């Protein structure tokens, strides 16, 4: 019999806790819930017994929600950490909530909270499966989060961040500076005059694009000079750029939340990174590539057949290690299996990345065939014709590299 999910709710206001207790009464059969007032009481409860999920308010006297969740992260890394806050400045709250996996705003409907918890737990189970762990244990070197990316994200999280400081950080890496200048001068961005200043290039491209460029360059650089065939590296790089464009277009058309859009665009950029991890570390991955070349079909099927796991799961595991957001990690994990996502509804990061990958394959060569079920499922969505029409002209222009 499956043990109930243990959930700890933390708030300094008794009436909020009472409201949560009443609101979630119907979940008593599936959730073992504990409600405590404040951070100290939460730590005492955690010392007494483990919890699968901690849901905390942000602004509490004594120990803040950020401080509490940071302690939970260090004591119990696999515990899901959610912020449930009524803070009016959402952007400031999200920036402050670094230790949290997700941010939920008060008032929060019970189905929204349930969905967030169930999907987070499902992702944890996927990334801790025996098959995935058996493969990961044989990988000697997982690439580290690019140093430049860490510095850039820290700077962008600074309320006093400036274009000049971002440009200075970019200038620390000659190759990255060249990449930023190259893209800012491309026909895709259509500058009126040549751009020769990194600061001007950052202004033209925007913080989001520059951050993604740094992440992509760092992630792909780790595989240059390894056993990954150069042709595969180029093919995945080109496909990732087309997927990113498609994801950005779909997110804009659907008007999704900024957090969802950011997760989707970055996940589209990195959704095939697991292929590079496997090709660089496991000699038998050559057999996977050979089988795919002989028989055709989606690479994930051959990976599952010969390795017991897939590049989607390996890539998601890597991005989870890097501390990237759960929504992004989930989109990478399920970019070939969006129907497997629990409580999926509407347009979210998973569906955007799945659709973007299918469109990228449709309008340009990809490293491997897409999963037909994914295209069929996405094509069944009412919005697919509009997405396809909007993406066609962009994706047939060729990847900007």
Protein backbone atom coordinates (compact mmCIF):
# COMPACT_ATOMS: atom_id res chain seq x y z
CA UNK A 1 0.00 0.00 0.00
CA UNK A 2 1.36 3.43 -0.95
CA UNK A 3 2.11 5.72 1.97
CA UNK A 4 0.26 9.06 1.93
CA UNK A 5 2.20 12.12 0.85
CA UNK A 6 3.38 14.01 3.91
CA UNK A 7 2.88 17.79 3.57
CA UNK A 8 3.98 20.46 6.06
CA UNK A 9 2.21 23.84 5.87
CA UNK A 10 3.95 26.81 7.51
CA UNK A 11 2.45 30.26 8.15
CA UNK A 12 2.62 32.74 10.99
CA UNK A 13 -1.10 33.57 10.83
CA UNK A 14 -3.43 31.03 12.55
CA UNK A 15 -6.39 32.08 10.39
CA UNK A 16 -4.41 31.24 7.23
CA UNK A 17 -3.56 27.81 8.61
CA UNK A 18 -7.19 27.24 9.60
CA UNK A 19 -8.29 28.24 6.10
CA UNK A 20 -5.82 25.82 4.51
CA UNK A 21 -6.96 23.05 6.84
CA UNK A 22 -10.61 23.58 5.82
CA UNK A 23 -9.79 24.03 2.13
CA UNK A 24 -7.81 20.80 1.96
CA UNK A 25 -10.13 18.64 4.05
CA UNK A 26 -10.95 16.49 1.01
CA UNK A 27 -7.27 15.52 0.67
CA UNK A 28 -6.96 13.90 4.08
CA UNK A 29 -7.09 10.41 2.56
CA UNK A 30 -4.12 11.03 0.24
CA UNK A 31 -2.11 13.64 2.15
CA UNK A 32 -0.83 13.41 5.71
CA UNK A 33 -0.94 17.13 6.55
CA UNK A 34 0.65 19.03 9.42
CA UNK A 35 0.05 22.77 10.02
CA UNK A 36 2.53 24.80 12.09
CA UNK A 37 2.95 28.47 12.97
CA UNK A 38 6.38 29.81 12.01
CA UNK A 39 9.82 28.61 11.01
CA UNK A 40 10.96 27.32 14.41
CA UNK A 41 7.88 25.12 14.74
CA UNK A 42 8.47 23.86 11.19
CA UNK A 43 12.05 22.83 11.98
CA UNK A 44 10.84 21.03 15.10
CA UNK A 45 8.29 19.13 13.00
CA UNK A 46 10.98 18.24 10.46
CA UNK A 47 13.24 16.98 13.23
CA UNK A 48 10.41 14.79 14.46
CA UNK A 49 9.60 13.15 11.10
CA UNK A 50 10.38 13.57 7.37
CA UNK A 51 8.07 15.36 4.94
CA UNK A 52 7.70 14.99 1.19
CA UNK A 53 6.60 18.61 0.74
CA UNK A 54 6.99 21.87 2.67
CA UNK A 55 4.65 24.75 1.77
CA UNK A 56 5.69 28.01 3.43
CA UNK A 57 4.64 31.63 3.58
CA UNK A 58 7.39 34.12 2.70
CA UNK A 59 7.05 36.95 5.21
CA UNK A 60 7.12 35.60 8.76
CA UNK A 61 8.56 37.15 11.92
CA UNK A 62 11.77 35.64 13.20
CA UNK A 63 12.63 33.14 10.48
CA UNK A 64 11.48 34.08 6.98
CA UNK A 65 10.18 31.58 4.46
CA UNK A 66 13.38 31.95 2.42
CA UNK A 67 15.52 31.12 5.47
CA UNK A 68 13.32 28.15 6.34
CA UNK A 69 13.33 26.68 2.83
CA UNK A 70 17.07 27.15 2.56
CA UNK A 71 17.50 25.07 5.73
CA UNK A 72 15.09 22.45 4.36
CA UNK A 73 17.10 22.31 1.13
CA UNK A 74 20.30 21.57 3.04
CA UNK A 75 18.76 19.10 5.49
CA UNK A 76 16.54 17.24 3.04
CA UNK A 77 17.42 17.98 -0.61
CA UNK A 78 14.66 15.77 -2.04
CA UNK A 79 11.85 17.51 -0.15
CA UNK A 80 9.64 19.59 -2.44
CA UNK A 81 9.76 23.25 -1.38
CA UNK A 82 6.84 25.53 -2.31
CA UNK A 83 6.20 29.19 -1.53
CA UNK A 84 2.58 30.18 -0.88
CA UNK A 85 2.65 33.95 -0.54
CA UNK A 86 0.35 36.93 -0.66
CA UNK A 87 3.22 39.36 -1.23
CA UNK A 88 2.08 42.02 -3.68
CA UNK A 89 5.41 42.30 -5.50
CA UNK A 90 5.50 38.94 -7.28
CA UNK A 91 8.76 39.60 -9.14
CA UNK A 92 10.60 40.55 -5.94
CA UNK A 93 9.19 37.50 -4.19
CA UNK A 94 10.23 35.14 -6.98
CA UNK A 95 13.77 36.57 -6.96
CA UNK A 96 13.96 36.15 -3.20
CA UNK A 97 12.60 32.62 -3.23
CA UNK A 98 15.75 30.96 -4.50
CA UNK A 99 15.39 27.85 -2.29
CA UNK A 100 11.83 27.24 -3.53
CA UNK A 101 10.89 24.89 -6.36
CA UNK A 102 7.70 26.79 -7.15
CA UNK A 103 5.88 29.98 -6.22
CA UNK A 104 2.12 30.00 -5.65
CA UNK A 105 0.13 33.15 -4.94
CA UNK A 106 -2.51 33.55 -2.27
CA UNK A 107 -5.39 32.98 -2.50
CA UNK A 108 -4.66 29.58 -4.04
CA UNK A 109 -7.39 27.21 -5.20
CA UNK A 110 -7.06 23.64 -3.84
CA UNK A 111 -6.78 22.16 -7.34
CA UNK A 112 -3.88 24.48 -8.16
CA UNK A 113 -2.01 23.48 -5.02
CA UNK A 114 -2.76 19.80 -5.62
CA UNK A 115 -1.51 20.04 -9.20
CA UNK A 116 1.73 21.72 -8.16
CA UNK A 117 2.46 19.10 -5.51
CA UNK A 118 1.53 16.08 -7.63
CA UNK A 119 3.58 17.20 -10.64
CA UNK A 120 6.61 18.03 -8.50
CA UNK A 121 6.48 14.63 -6.81
CA UNK A 122 6.02 12.84 -10.14
CA UNK A 123 9.13 14.57 -11.48
CA UNK A 124 11.11 13.52 -8.41
CA UNK A 125 10.02 9.91 -8.88
CA UNK A 126 11.02 9.99 -12.55
CA UNK A 127 14.47 11.41 -11.81
CA UNK A 128 15.09 8.84 -9.08
CA UNK A 129 14.04 5.76 -11.05
CA UNK A 130 16.28 2.69 -10.76
CA UNK A 131 16.93 2.61 -14.52
CA UNK A 132 18.00 6.26 -14.65
CA UNK A 133 20.17 5.94 -11.56
CA UNK A 134 21.87 2.86 -12.99
CA UNK A 135 22.82 4.83 -16.11
CA UNK A 136 23.83 7.98 -14.23
CA UNK A 137 26.11 5.96 -11.93
CA UNK A 138 28.19 4.95 -14.96
CA UNK A 139 28.68 8.53 -16.17
CA UNK A 140 32.03 9.71 -14.85
CA UNK A 141 31.70 13.40 -15.67
CA UNK A 142 28.49 15.40 -15.77
CA UNK A 143 29.22 18.92 -17.05
CA UNK A 144 29.11 21.68 -14.45
CA UNK A 145 26.81 24.67 -14.65
CA UNK A 146 28.73 27.26 -16.71
CA UNK A 147 30.56 29.67 -14.41
CA UNK A 148 29.66 32.64 -16.57
CA UNK A 149 25.99 31.69 -16.40
CA UNK A 150 26.08 31.64 -12.59
CA UNK A 151 27.64 35.11 -12.50
CA UNK A 152 25.19 36.44 -15.06
CA UNK A 153 22.11 35.09 -13.28
CA UNK A 154 23.37 36.52 -9.98
CA UNK A 155 23.80 39.91 -11.61
CA UNK A 156 20.38 39.80 -13.28
CA UNK A 157 18.83 38.96 -9.91
CA UNK A 158 20.35 42.12 -8.45
CA UNK A 159 17.73 44.92 -8.33
CA UNK A 160 20.54 47.36 -9.21
CA UNK A 161 21.64 45.32 -12.23
CA UNK A 162 22.89 47.41 -15.16
CA UNK A 163 23.61 46.82 -18.82
CA UNK A 164 27.19 47.95 -18.24
CA UNK A 165 27.83 45.31 -15.57
CA UNK A 166 26.21 42.56 -17.65
CA UNK A 167 28.39 43.61 -20.60
CA UNK A 168 31.47 43.51 -18.36
CA UNK A 169 30.67 39.94 -17.28
CA UNK A 170 30.11 38.87 -20.90
CA UNK A 171 33.44 40.48 -21.81
CA UNK A 172 35.24 38.09 -19.44
CA UNK A 173 34.75 35.33 -22.01
CA UNK A 174 36.13 36.22 -25.44
CA UNK A 175 34.20 33.47 -27.22
CA UNK A 176 30.94 34.47 -25.54
CA UNK A 177 31.49 38.14 -26.33
CA UNK A 178 32.02 37.20 -29.98
CA UNK A 179 28.82 35.12 -29.97
CA UNK A 180 26.78 38.00 -28.54
CA UNK A 181 28.18 40.46 -31.09
CA UNK A 182 27.64 37.99 -33.93
CA UNK A 183 23.99 37.46 -33.07
CA UNK A 184 23.28 41.13 -32.45
CA UNK A 185 24.62 41.91 -35.96
CA UNK A 186 22.64 39.14 -37.66
CA UNK A 187 19.79 39.74 -40.06
CA UNK A 188 17.45 38.17 -37.53
CA UNK A 189 17.74 41.22 -35.27
CA UNK A 190 18.17 43.67 -38.15
CA UNK A 191 20.22 46.46 -36.50
CA UNK A 192 20.23 49.78 -38.37
CA UNK A 193 24.01 50.05 -37.92
CA UNK A 194 26.83 47.63 -37.15
CA UNK A 195 26.99 46.77 -33.45
CA UNK A 196 30.54 46.75 -32.08
CA UNK A 197 29.88 47.41 -28.40
CA UNK A 198 29.02 44.50 -26.08
CA UNK A 199 26.84 46.82 -24.01
CA UNK A 200 24.91 47.87 -27.13
CA UNK A 201 24.60 44.20 -28.15
CA UNK A 202 23.14 43.33 -24.73
CA UNK A 203 20.66 46.19 -25.08
CA UNK A 204 19.60 44.96 -28.50
CA UNK A 205 19.30 41.29 -27.60
CA UNK A 206 17.85 41.73 -24.12
CA UNK A 207 18.81 40.08 -20.84
CA UNK A 208 16.80 36.90 -21.51
CA UNK A 209 18.43 36.15 -24.87
CA UNK A 210 21.92 36.88 -23.55
CA UNK A 211 21.40 34.62 -20.53
CA UNK A 212 20.23 31.80 -22.77
CA UNK A 213 23.19 32.27 -25.11
CA UNK A 214 25.58 31.93 -22.20
CA UNK A 215 23.82 28.80 -20.94
CA UNK A 216 23.78 27.20 -24.38
CA UNK A 217 27.42 28.05 -25.12
CA UNK A 218 28.58 26.71 -21.77
CA UNK A 219 26.50 23.54 -21.97
CA UNK A 220 27.61 22.71 -25.52
CA UNK A 221 31.24 23.72 -24.95
CA UNK A 222 31.58 20.86 -22.44
CA UNK A 223 31.27 18.34 -25.28
CA UNK A 224 33.72 19.83 -27.78
CA UNK A 225 36.70 17.50 -28.13
CA UNK A 226 34.89 14.54 -26.56
CA UNK A 227 33.70 11.37 -28.30
CA UNK A 228 30.56 13.19 -29.49
CA UNK A 229 30.66 13.30 -33.31
CA UNK A 230 31.05 16.88 -34.56
CA UNK A 231 28.13 16.37 -36.95
CA UNK A 232 25.86 15.40 -34.05
CA UNK A 233 26.94 18.43 -32.04
CA UNK A 234 26.15 20.73 -34.98
CA UNK A 235 22.82 19.03 -35.73
CA UNK A 236 21.65 19.30 -32.12
CA UNK A 237 22.82 22.91 -31.92
CA UNK A 238 20.88 23.88 -35.04
CA UNK A 239 17.78 21.99 -33.92
CA UNK A 240 17.91 23.63 -30.48
CA UNK A 241 17.94 27.10 -32.00
CA UNK A 242 14.91 26.36 -34.20
CA UNK A 243 13.11 24.84 -31.20
CA UNK A 244 13.89 27.91 -29.12
CA UNK A 245 12.46 30.23 -31.76
CA UNK A 246 9.30 28.13 -32.01
CA UNK A 247 8.89 28.04 -28.22
CA UNK A 248 9.24 31.81 -27.99
CA UNK A 249 6.63 32.32 -30.71
CA UNK A 250 4.13 29.91 -29.11
CA UNK A 251 4.61 31.38 -25.63
CA UNK A 252 4.03 34.88 -27.00
CA UNK A 253 0.94 33.83 -28.96
CA UNK A 254 -0.61 32.12 -25.94
CA UNK A 255 0.21 34.93 -23.52
CA UNK A 256 1.48 32.50 -20.90
CA UNK A 257 2.88 33.59 -17.56
CA UNK A 258 6.42 35.00 -17.79
CA UNK A 259 7.82 32.18 -15.65
CA UNK A 260 6.24 29.55 -17.93
CA UNK A 261 7.57 31.35 -21.02
CA UNK A 262 11.11 31.52 -19.61
CA UNK A 263 11.03 27.84 -18.62
CA UNK A 264 9.74 26.79 -22.04
CA UNK A 265 12.23 28.81 -24.07
CA UNK A 266 15.25 27.63 -22.08
CA UNK A 267 13.99 24.03 -22.02
CA UNK A 268 13.61 24.14 -25.80
CA UNK A 269 17.21 25.30 -26.03
CA UNK A 270 18.53 22.43 -23.90
CA UNK A 271 16.04 19.62 -24.44
CA UNK A 272 18.50 17.39 -26.36
CA UNK A 273 21.51 17.89 -24.06
CA UNK A 274 21.04 14.37 -22.66
CA UNK A 275 22.07 12.94 -26.04
CA UNK A 276 25.43 14.69 -25.70
CA UNK A 277 25.88 13.48 -22.12
CA UNK A 278 25.25 9.87 -23.15
CA UNK A 279 27.34 10.03 -26.33
CA UNK A 280 30.29 11.54 -24.45
CA UNK A 281 30.24 9.04 -21.58
CA UNK A 282 28.87 5.65 -22.60
CA UNK A 283 30.71 3.68 -25.31
CA UNK A 284 27.60 1.59 -25.99
CA UNK A 285 25.70 4.73 -27.01
CA UNK A 286 27.33 4.15 -30.38
CA UNK A 287 25.11 1.06 -30.61
CA UNK A 288 22.07 3.24 -29.93
CA UNK A 289 23.05 5.57 -32.77
CA UNK A 290 23.76 2.65 -35.09
CA UNK A 291 20.42 1.01 -34.31
CA UNK A 292 18.59 4.27 -34.91
CA UNK A 293 20.37 4.71 -38.25
CA UNK A 294 19.47 1.18 -39.35
CA UNK A 295 15.87 1.09 -38.16
CA UNK A 296 14.88 4.75 -38.03
CA UNK A 297 12.32 5.99 -35.58
CA UNK A 298 12.69 8.22 -32.50
CA UNK A 299 16.03 7.95 -30.68
CA UNK A 300 14.24 7.63 -27.34
CA UNK A 301 12.85 4.22 -28.27
CA UNK A 302 16.32 2.86 -29.04
CA UNK A 303 17.74 4.39 -25.85
CA UNK A 304 15.04 2.74 -23.75
CA UNK A 305 15.63 -0.56 -25.55
CA UNK A 306 19.42 -0.62 -25.05
CA UNK A 307 20.01 1.54 -21.95
CA UNK A 308 16.78 1.35 -19.97
CA UNK A 309 16.47 5.15 -19.87
CA UNK A 310 16.37 8.06 -22.34
CA UNK A 311 18.28 11.20 -23.16
CA UNK A 312 15.25 13.21 -22.00
CA UNK A 313 15.53 11.76 -18.49
CA UNK A 314 19.33 12.11 -18.40
CA UNK A 315 19.13 15.72 -19.61
CA UNK A 316 16.47 16.55 -17.03
CA UNK A 317 18.61 14.98 -14.30
CA UNK A 318 21.57 17.17 -15.33
CA UNK A 319 19.50 20.36 -15.36
CA UNK A 320 18.02 19.41 -11.99
CA UNK A 321 21.56 19.08 -10.60
CA UNK A 322 22.29 22.53 -11.94
CA UNK A 323 19.40 23.87 -9.88
CA UNK A 324 17.33 25.05 -12.83
CA UNK A 325 13.57 25.50 -12.19
CA UNK A 326 11.28 22.47 -11.88
CA UNK A 327 9.06 23.67 -14.71
CA UNK A 328 12.06 23.74 -17.04
CA UNK A 329 13.33 20.35 -15.88
CA UNK A 330 9.87 18.83 -16.30
CA UNK A 331 9.61 20.17 -19.87
CA UNK A 332 12.94 18.57 -20.79
CA UNK A 333 12.03 15.28 -19.10
CA UNK A 334 8.76 15.02 -21.03
CA UNK A 335 9.52 16.70 -24.35
CA UNK A 336 8.87 13.35 -26.06
CA UNK A 337 6.18 12.16 -23.62
CA UNK A 338 3.93 15.15 -22.81
CA UNK A 339 0.91 12.90 -22.30
CA UNK A 340 2.65 11.34 -19.31
CA UNK A 341 2.52 14.55 -17.28
CA UNK A 342 0.10 14.38 -14.37
CA UNK A 343 -2.64 17.02 -14.13
CA UNK A 344 -1.63 18.51 -17.50
CA UNK A 345 -4.10 21.04 -18.85
CA UNK A 346 -3.91 24.09 -21.06
CA UNK A 347 -0.66 25.37 -22.55
CA UNK A 348 2.29 24.92 -20.21
CA UNK A 349 6.05 24.60 -20.60
CA UNK A 350 5.81 20.87 -21.37
CA UNK A 351 3.33 21.30 -24.22
CA UNK A 352 5.20 24.32 -25.61
CA UNK A 353 8.52 22.46 -25.76
CA UNK A 354 6.92 19.33 -27.26
CA UNK A 355 5.23 21.45 -29.94
CA UNK A 356 8.37 23.51 -30.56
CA UNK A 357 10.44 20.38 -31.08
CA UNK A 358 7.87 18.96 -33.50
CA UNK A 359 7.80 22.22 -35.47
CA UNK A 360 11.59 22.42 -35.52
CA UNK A 361 11.69 18.94 -37.08
CA UNK A 362 8.95 19.91 -39.52
CA UNK A 363 10.76 22.95 -40.90
CA UNK A 364 14.38 21.90 -40.69
CA UNK A 365 16.61 18.87 -40.30
CA UNK A 366 16.93 17.45 -36.82
CA UNK A 367 19.41 14.98 -35.37
CA UNK A 368 16.75 12.23 -35.26
CA UNK A 369 13.13 11.59 -36.12
CA UNK A 370 10.61 13.00 -33.64
CA UNK A 371 8.28 10.75 -31.68
CA UNK A 372 5.15 10.42 -33.91
CA UNK A 373 2.86 10.26 -30.88
CA UNK A 374 4.09 13.68 -29.79
CA UNK A 375 3.30 15.28 -33.12
CA UNK A 376 -0.09 13.58 -33.22
CA UNK A 377 -0.95 14.71 -29.70
CA UNK A 378 0.18 18.29 -30.26
CA UNK A 379 -1.47 18.45 -33.69
CA UNK A 380 -4.74 17.49 -32.02
CA UNK A 381 -4.65 20.75 -30.07
CA UNK A 382 -6.92 23.45 -31.47
CA UNK A 383 -4.09 25.98 -31.63
CA UNK A 384 -1.67 23.84 -33.68
CA UNK A 385 -2.61 25.34 -37.11
CA UNK A 386 -1.99 28.86 -35.78
CA UNK A 387 1.34 27.83 -34.21
CA UNK A 388 2.43 26.14 -37.42
CA UNK A 389 1.53 29.15 -39.56
CA UNK A 390 3.30 31.58 -37.23
CA UNK A 391 6.45 29.46 -37.00
CA UNK A 392 6.79 28.51 -40.66
CA UNK A 393 8.46 31.71 -41.89
CA UNK A 394 10.79 31.92 -38.89
CA UNK A 395 11.91 28.31 -38.93
CA UNK A 396 12.57 28.10 -42.67
CA UNK A 397 15.03 31.00 -42.53
CA UNK A 398 17.73 28.70 -41.12
CA UNK A 399 19.20 28.61 -37.66
CA UNK A 400 21.08 31.68 -36.46
CA UNK A 401 24.33 30.49 -35.01
